[in-house]
């Protein structure tokens, strides 16, 4: 069965920047996963995960390679708003078209050596404890930039709702929101390393005359 869905260009390009680098053991990380029937797309590098709402469509899920997205959107300019993603339920080929420019690739989660996209919702915490945690600043910056681009809110601040560092998996994943925006949702894993000891003494010594 053939499918064709429309997705905002900013959703694809911003999520592609969140996606992980090429990894032969986890090839699905280097792509944008789309769930048309559920109305969202996402990308993860294994430590942060970003969801973006999209228009629902009666189409099968797929994972578009980041390279295909990059090729299709290269030089498209800010005037290009919508990308057309075409694919077949029984095949591996995926086409992404932005205006007159198109690129093809293979669905990362299909084919003889492919591996299914992981059950990503398992890392979404069911509750928030508010316990403190530390996070990679570069990760927070990348997440906020992507959220702002998708939501088209360049001045909005991202807020992180922490879950500590002690629990396994989703038990310590933090939730990130862009103000009151309901179009994007971020999940971030904390730094597992304990903070340096003696910070109180360090403060006293730092400002000591």
Protein backbone atom coordinates (compact mmCIF):
# COMPACT_ATOMS: atom_id res chain seq x y z
CA UNK A 1 0.00 0.00 0.00
CA UNK A 2 1.30 3.45 -0.91
CA UNK A 3 1.26 6.40 1.49
CA UNK A 4 1.87 10.11 1.14
CA UNK A 5 1.89 12.43 4.15
CA UNK A 6 2.60 16.13 4.60
CA UNK A 7 4.93 17.20 7.40
CA UNK A 8 6.26 20.69 8.22
CA UNK A 9 9.83 21.07 7.01
CA UNK A 10 10.86 22.53 10.37
CA UNK A 11 9.67 19.41 12.15
CA UNK A 12 11.84 17.16 9.99
CA UNK A 13 14.97 19.33 10.02
CA UNK A 14 14.81 20.16 13.74
CA UNK A 15 14.22 16.56 14.77
CA UNK A 16 17.03 15.42 12.49
CA UNK A 17 19.43 17.61 14.49
CA UNK A 18 18.34 15.83 17.68
CA UNK A 19 18.79 12.38 16.15
CA UNK A 20 21.90 10.37 16.93
CA UNK A 21 24.92 9.90 14.73
CA UNK A 22 25.41 6.82 12.57
CA UNK A 23 25.72 3.73 14.73
CA UNK A 24 25.80 0.29 13.08
CA UNK A 25 24.42 -1.30 16.24
CA UNK A 26 21.53 1.18 16.47
CA UNK A 27 20.91 2.49 12.93
CA UNK A 28 17.42 3.72 13.79
CA UNK A 29 18.91 6.54 15.89
CA UNK A 30 20.11 8.33 12.74
CA UNK A 31 16.59 9.08 11.59
CA UNK A 32 13.27 10.73 12.33
CA UNK A 33 10.54 8.35 13.42
CA UNK A 34 7.00 9.23 12.31
CA UNK A 35 3.76 7.85 13.73
CA UNK A 36 1.08 9.33 11.43
CA UNK A 37 -1.85 7.57 13.08
CA UNK A 38 -0.78 8.79 16.53
CA UNK A 39 -0.07 12.32 15.35
CA UNK A 40 3.57 12.73 16.34
CA UNK A 41 7.13 12.42 15.12
CA UNK A 42 10.25 12.02 17.24
CA UNK A 43 14.01 11.68 17.25
CA UNK A 44 16.51 10.57 19.87
CA UNK A 45 20.24 10.19 20.33
CA UNK A 46 19.80 7.80 23.23
CA UNK A 47 20.13 10.50 25.90
CA UNK A 48 17.52 13.02 24.79
CA UNK A 49 14.25 12.52 22.99
CA UNK A 50 12.07 15.13 21.29
CA UNK A 51 8.47 14.71 20.20
CA UNK A 52 6.62 17.03 17.82
CA UNK A 53 2.94 16.97 17.01
CA UNK A 54 1.99 16.47 13.37
CA UNK A 55 -1.31 16.19 11.55
CA UNK A 56 -2.81 12.73 11.93
CA UNK A 57 -3.05 10.53 8.86
CA UNK A 58 -4.11 6.96 8.17
CA UNK A 59 -0.64 5.77 7.23
CA UNK A 60 1.88 3.27 8.54
CA UNK A 61 4.77 4.38 10.79
CA UNK A 62 8.21 4.87 9.28
CA UNK A 63 11.70 6.12 10.11
CA UNK A 64 13.19 8.56 7.60
CA UNK A 65 17.02 8.68 7.41
CA UNK A 66 18.55 12.01 8.40
CA UNK A 67 20.61 11.99 5.19
CA UNK A 68 17.44 11.88 3.10
CA UNK A 69 15.95 14.79 5.03
CA UNK A 70 19.15 16.80 4.64
CA UNK A 71 19.31 16.17 0.89
CA UNK A 72 15.66 17.06 0.32
CA UNK A 73 15.79 20.28 2.34
CA UNK A 74 19.22 21.54 1.30
CA UNK A 75 18.85 25.02 -0.18
CA UNK A 76 15.07 25.01 0.17
CA UNK A 77 15.03 28.32 2.04
CA UNK A 78 12.63 29.59 4.68
CA UNK A 79 9.77 29.84 2.20
CA UNK A 80 9.50 26.04 2.02
CA UNK A 81 6.96 25.07 4.65
CA UNK A 82 5.83 21.55 3.83
CA UNK A 83 7.59 18.32 2.95
CA UNK A 84 5.80 15.47 1.22
CA UNK A 85 6.91 12.05 2.45
CA UNK A 86 5.93 9.16 0.18
CA UNK A 87 6.52 5.47 0.89
CA UNK A 88 5.06 1.98 0.64
CA UNK A 89 3.90 -0.19 3.49
CA UNK A 90 5.60 -3.26 2.06
CA UNK A 91 8.78 -1.57 0.84
CA UNK A 92 11.86 0.18 2.15
CA UNK A 93 12.09 3.16 -0.22
CA UNK A 94 11.16 6.57 1.14
CA UNK A 95 10.89 9.79 -0.86
CA UNK A 96 10.99 13.25 0.70
CA UNK A 97 10.01 16.16 -1.54
CA UNK A 98 10.27 19.84 -0.69
CA UNK A 99 9.02 21.94 -3.57
CA UNK A 100 10.80 20.81 -6.72
CA UNK A 101 13.61 19.14 -4.78
CA UNK A 102 13.36 15.51 -3.76
CA UNK A 103 15.55 12.84 -2.21
CA UNK A 104 15.10 9.13 -1.69
CA UNK A 105 16.35 6.78 0.98
CA UNK A 106 15.51 3.56 2.76
CA UNK A 107 13.34 3.28 5.84
CA UNK A 108 15.89 2.51 8.54
CA UNK A 109 13.55 0.11 10.33
CA UNK A 110 12.86 -2.05 7.28
CA UNK A 111 14.92 -4.34 5.12
CA UNK A 112 16.86 -7.54 5.73
CA UNK A 113 19.33 -6.13 8.28
CA UNK A 114 17.07 -3.48 9.81
CA UNK A 115 16.01 -3.27 13.42
CA UNK A 116 12.66 -1.95 14.60
CA UNK A 117 12.42 1.46 16.19
CA UNK A 118 12.47 0.93 19.95
CA UNK A 119 9.26 1.25 22.03
CA UNK A 120 10.11 4.86 22.71
CA UNK A 121 7.19 5.62 25.00
CA UNK A 122 8.78 3.43 27.67
CA UNK A 123 11.23 6.22 28.53
CA UNK A 124 8.48 8.79 29.14
CA UNK A 125 8.09 9.15 32.93
CA UNK A 126 4.64 8.53 34.36
CA UNK A 127 5.19 11.02 37.19
CA UNK A 128 7.50 13.84 38.25
CA UNK A 129 9.25 13.85 41.61
CA UNK A 130 11.00 17.21 41.42
CA UNK A 131 14.19 15.66 42.79
CA UNK A 132 17.26 17.64 41.65
CA UNK A 133 19.55 16.47 38.88
CA UNK A 134 22.21 17.86 36.56
CA UNK A 135 22.02 17.84 32.77
CA UNK A 136 24.44 18.26 29.89
CA UNK A 137 24.31 22.00 28.96
CA UNK A 138 24.93 21.24 25.28
CA UNK A 139 21.99 18.85 25.32
CA UNK A 140 19.71 21.44 26.92
CA UNK A 141 20.76 24.04 24.34
CA UNK A 142 20.14 21.69 21.43
CA UNK A 143 16.74 20.74 22.80
CA UNK A 144 15.63 24.33 23.30
CA UNK A 145 16.80 25.38 19.83
CA UNK A 146 14.90 22.53 18.20
CA UNK A 147 11.76 23.23 20.22
CA UNK A 148 11.84 26.92 19.32
CA UNK A 149 12.23 26.15 15.63
CA UNK A 150 9.39 23.64 15.54
CA UNK A 151 6.99 25.81 17.56
CA UNK A 152 8.17 29.02 15.85
CA UNK A 153 8.66 30.65 19.23
CA UNK A 154 12.22 32.01 19.03
CA UNK A 155 12.13 33.79 22.39
CA UNK A 156 10.30 31.18 24.47
CA UNK A 157 12.16 29.57 27.36
CA UNK A 158 12.39 25.84 27.93
CA UNK A 159 11.62 24.49 31.40
CA UNK A 160 13.01 21.23 32.74
CA UNK A 161 11.06 19.19 35.28
CA UNK A 162 13.59 16.94 36.96
CA UNK A 163 13.23 13.41 38.33
CA UNK A 164 16.50 12.92 40.21
CA UNK A 165 19.27 10.51 39.18
CA UNK A 166 18.65 7.38 41.22
CA UNK A 167 15.91 5.58 39.32
CA UNK A 168 16.49 3.29 36.32
CA UNK A 169 15.35 4.32 32.86
CA UNK A 170 12.21 6.42 32.78
CA UNK A 171 12.20 6.70 36.57
CA UNK A 172 14.81 9.46 36.35
CA UNK A 173 14.08 10.95 32.92
CA UNK A 174 13.23 14.64 33.03
CA UNK A 175 10.47 16.34 31.06
CA UNK A 176 11.21 19.48 29.06
CA UNK A 177 8.53 21.93 27.93
CA UNK A 178 8.71 25.12 25.89
CA UNK A 179 6.61 27.47 27.99
CA UNK A 180 2.96 26.50 27.60
CA UNK A 181 3.45 25.12 24.08
CA UNK A 182 1.62 21.84 23.46
CA UNK A 183 3.25 21.04 20.10
CA UNK A 184 6.59 19.80 21.45
CA UNK A 185 7.73 17.63 24.34
CA UNK A 186 11.26 16.74 25.38
CA UNK A 187 12.65 13.91 27.49
CA UNK A 188 16.19 14.24 28.87
CA UNK A 189 18.32 11.81 30.83
CA UNK A 190 20.35 13.29 33.69
CA UNK A 191 24.09 13.17 34.19
CA UNK A 192 24.69 10.10 36.31
CA UNK A 193 27.89 11.40 37.86
CA UNK A 194 27.52 12.79 41.37
CA UNK A 195 28.38 16.51 41.70
CA UNK A 196 31.78 17.39 43.19
CA UNK A 197 32.02 17.32 46.97
CA UNK A 198 32.97 20.34 49.04
CA UNK A 199 31.00 22.93 47.10
CA UNK A 200 30.21 24.93 50.25
CA UNK A 201 33.89 25.12 51.08
CA UNK A 202 34.66 26.02 47.47
CA UNK A 203 32.24 28.97 47.60
CA UNK A 204 33.73 30.25 50.82
CA UNK A 205 37.26 29.97 49.44
CA UNK A 206 36.39 31.49 46.06
CA UNK A 207 35.17 34.77 47.53
CA UNK A 208 37.63 34.89 50.41
CA UNK A 209 39.75 38.00 50.38
